[in-house]
Amino acid sequence: MTMETMRLHARIQGHVQGVGFRYFVQDRALALGLVGWVRNTFDGDVEVVAEGPRDKLETLLDYLRRGPRSAVVTQVDVEWSAASGEFRRFEIRPTA
């Protein structure tokens, strides 16, 4: 794995709202030293944008595929791109 800084954009589907998913993601992202955001979407998904080393993002992606204990993840759509460097921390954003 390269230490190249990347951007992970993921959309998590399933029973992922009302189960603490955003706080779970924020906790894991902060522990991994990643920056970006997580938010619920109006159609019931959770959306994540995170930037950092590819190996740390892969670890976060493993967490996203499992979710917190009460979540049921049915699908995770992933897009990889170059990091923008626009984030300074990892935050929970309002539903969009």
C-alpha atoms as a PDB file:
ATOM      1  CA  MET A   1       0.000   0.000   0.000  1.00  0.00           C
ATOM      2  CA  THR A   2       1.161   3.492  -0.800  1.00  0.00           C
ATOM      3  CA  MET A   3       0.979   6.338   1.684  1.00  0.00           C
ATOM      4  CA  GLU A   4      -0.485   8.546  -1.044  1.00  0.00           C
ATOM      5  CA  THR A   5      -3.310  10.758   0.209  1.00  0.00           C
ATOM      6  CA  MET A   6      -6.601   9.810  -1.413  1.00  0.00           C
ATOM      7  CA  ARG A   7     -10.304  10.665  -1.210  1.00  0.00           C
ATOM      8  CA  LEU A   8     -12.913   8.034  -0.454  1.00  0.00           C
ATOM      9  CA  HIS A   9     -16.535   8.884  -1.295  1.00  0.00           C
ATOM     10  CA  ALA A  10     -18.927   6.211  -0.050  1.00  0.00           C
ATOM     11  CA  ARG A  11     -22.701   5.869   0.054  1.00  0.00           C
ATOM     12  CA  ILE A  12     -23.955   3.278   2.508  1.00  0.00           C
ATOM     13  CA  GLN A  13     -27.378   1.700   2.012  1.00  0.00           C
ATOM     14  CA  GLY A  14     -29.516  -0.445   4.283  1.00  0.00           C
ATOM     15  CA  HIS A  15     -30.808   0.125   7.812  1.00  0.00           C
ATOM     16  CA  VAL A  16     -28.224   2.830   8.504  1.00  0.00           C
ATOM     17  CA  GLN A  17     -30.170   5.777   9.953  1.00  0.00           C
ATOM     18  CA  GLY A  18     -31.282   5.994  13.575  1.00  0.00           C
ATOM     19  CA  VAL A  19     -28.639   3.470  14.661  1.00  0.00           C
ATOM     20  CA  GLY A  20     -25.724   5.794  15.506  1.00  0.00           C
ATOM     21  CA  PHE A  21     -24.024   5.235  12.147  1.00  0.00           C
ATOM     22  CA  ARG A  22     -22.729   8.814  11.771  1.00  0.00           C
ATOM     23  CA  TYR A  23     -21.188   8.803  15.246  1.00  0.00           C
ATOM     24  CA  PHE A  24     -19.692   5.359  14.581  1.00  0.00           C
ATOM     25  CA  VAL A  25     -18.097   6.665  11.361  1.00  0.00           C
ATOM     26  CA  GLN A  26     -16.817   9.841  13.002  1.00  0.00           C
ATOM     27  CA  ASP A  27     -15.281   7.876  15.877  1.00  0.00           C
ATOM     28  CA  ARG A  28     -13.487   5.467  13.518  1.00  0.00           C
ATOM     29  CA  ALA A  29     -12.336   8.241  11.166  1.00  0.00           C
ATOM     30  CA  LEU A  30     -10.889  10.295  14.021  1.00  0.00           C
ATOM     31  CA  ALA A  31      -9.125   7.230  15.432  1.00  0.00           C
ATOM     32  CA  LEU A  32      -7.578   6.649  11.988  1.00  0.00           C
ATOM     33  CA  GLY A  33      -6.511  10.298  11.660  1.00  0.00           C
ATOM     34  CA  LEU A  34      -8.761  10.956   8.644  1.00  0.00           C
ATOM     35  CA  VAL A  35     -10.488  14.212   7.687  1.00  0.00           C
ATOM     36  CA  GLY A  36     -13.793  14.811   5.907  1.00  0.00           C
ATOM     37  CA  TRP A  37     -17.448  14.375   6.823  1.00  0.00           C
ATOM     38  CA  VAL A  38     -20.418  12.042   7.224  1.00  0.00           C
ATOM     39  CA  ARG A  39     -24.123  12.825   6.833  1.00  0.00           C
ATOM     40  CA  ASN A  40     -27.508  11.201   6.442  1.00  0.00           C
ATOM     41  CA  THR A  41     -29.259  11.623   3.107  1.00  0.00           C
ATOM     42  CA  PHE A  42     -32.964  12.366   2.700  1.00  0.00           C
ATOM     43  CA  ASP A  43     -33.458   9.018   0.944  1.00  0.00           C
ATOM     44  CA  GLY A  44     -32.256   6.983   3.925  1.00  0.00           C
ATOM     45  CA  ASP A  45     -28.582   6.393   3.104  1.00  0.00           C
ATOM     46  CA  VAL A  46     -25.428   7.590   4.821  1.00  0.00           C
ATOM     47  CA  GLU A  47     -22.810   9.462   2.768  1.00  0.00           C
ATOM     48  CA  VAL A  48     -19.129   9.687   3.697  1.00  0.00           C
ATOM     49  CA  VAL A  49     -16.274  11.706   2.233  1.00  0.00           C
ATOM     50  CA  ALA A  50     -12.910  11.021   3.849  1.00  0.00           C
ATOM     51  CA  GLU A  51      -9.336  11.900   2.960  1.00  0.00           C
ATOM     52  CA  GLY A  52      -6.074  10.409   4.148  1.00  0.00           C
ATOM     53  CA  PRO A  53      -3.618   7.613   3.403  1.00  0.00           C
ATOM     54  CA  ARG A  54      -5.116   4.885   1.199  1.00  0.00           C
ATOM     55  CA  ASP A  55      -4.482   2.125   3.771  1.00  0.00           C
ATOM     56  CA  LYS A  56      -6.352   4.073   6.485  1.00  0.00           C
ATOM     57  CA  LEU A  57      -9.234   4.708   4.086  1.00  0.00           C
ATOM     58  CA  GLU A  58      -9.384   0.986   3.283  1.00  0.00           C
ATOM     59  CA  THR A  59      -9.670   0.321   7.031  1.00  0.00           C
ATOM     60  CA  LEU A  60     -12.504   2.868   7.290  1.00  0.00           C
ATOM     61  CA  LEU A  61     -14.206   1.206   4.318  1.00  0.00           C
ATOM     62  CA  ASP A  62     -14.122  -2.129   6.168  1.00  0.00           C
ATOM     63  CA  TYR A  63     -15.911  -0.406   9.081  1.00  0.00           C
ATOM     64  CA  LEU A  64     -18.464   1.133   6.692  1.00  0.00           C
ATOM     65  CA  ARG A  65     -19.295  -2.295   5.277  1.00  0.00           C
ATOM     66  CA  ARG A  66     -20.074  -3.551   8.805  1.00  0.00           C
ATOM     67  CA  GLY A  67     -21.447  -0.484  10.571  1.00  0.00           C
ATOM     68  CA  PRO A  68     -22.406  -0.298  14.237  1.00  0.00           C
ATOM     69  CA  ARG A  69     -24.021  -3.321  15.867  1.00  0.00           C
ATOM     70  CA  SER A  70     -27.647  -2.274  15.223  1.00  0.00           C
ATOM     71  CA  ALA A  71     -27.087  -1.330  11.552  1.00  0.00           C
ATOM     72  CA  VAL A  72     -27.790  -3.586   8.578  1.00  0.00           C
ATOM     73  CA  VAL A  73     -25.588  -2.583   5.631  1.00  0.00           C
ATOM     74  CA  THR A  74     -26.900  -3.910   2.312  1.00  0.00           C
ATOM     75  CA  GLN A  75     -24.657  -2.024  -0.132  1.00  0.00           C
ATOM     76  CA  VAL A  76     -21.693   0.352  -0.169  1.00  0.00           C
ATOM     77  CA  ASP A  77     -20.999   2.333  -3.343  1.00  0.00           C
ATOM     78  CA  VAL A  78     -17.421   3.617  -3.469  1.00  0.00           C
ATOM     79  CA  GLU A  79     -15.583   6.184  -5.563  1.00  0.00           C
ATOM     80  CA  TRP A  80     -11.853   6.879  -5.233  1.00  0.00           C
ATOM     81  CA  SER A  81     -10.210  10.131  -6.311  1.00  0.00           C
ATOM     82  CA  ALA A  82      -7.290  12.386  -5.496  1.00  0.00           C
ATOM     83  CA  ALA A  83      -7.513  14.219  -2.175  1.00  0.00           C
ATOM     84  CA  SER A  84      -8.514  17.877  -2.346  1.00  0.00           C
ATOM     85  CA  GLY A  85      -6.902  18.856   0.951  1.00  0.00           C
ATOM     86  CA  GLU A  86      -9.926  21.023   1.775  1.00  0.00           C
ATOM     87  CA  PHE A  87     -10.722  19.415   5.162  1.00  0.00           C
ATOM     88  CA  ARG A  88      -9.072  20.072   8.521  1.00  0.00           C
ATOM     89  CA  ARG A  89     -11.135  17.686  10.677  1.00  0.00           C
ATOM     90  CA  PHE A  90     -13.799  15.008  10.435  1.00  0.00           C
ATOM     91  CA  GLU A  91     -17.309  16.251  11.127  1.00  0.00           C
ATOM     92  CA  ILE A  92     -20.933  15.216  11.088  1.00  0.00           C
ATOM     93  CA  ARG A  93     -22.841  17.367   8.610  1.00  0.00           C
ATOM     94  CA  PRO A  94     -26.586  18.097   8.413  1.00  0.00           C
ATOM     95  CA  THR A  95     -28.806  15.805   6.359  1.00  0.00           C
ATOM     96  CA  ALA A  96     -28.716  16.590   2.641  1.00  0.00           C
END
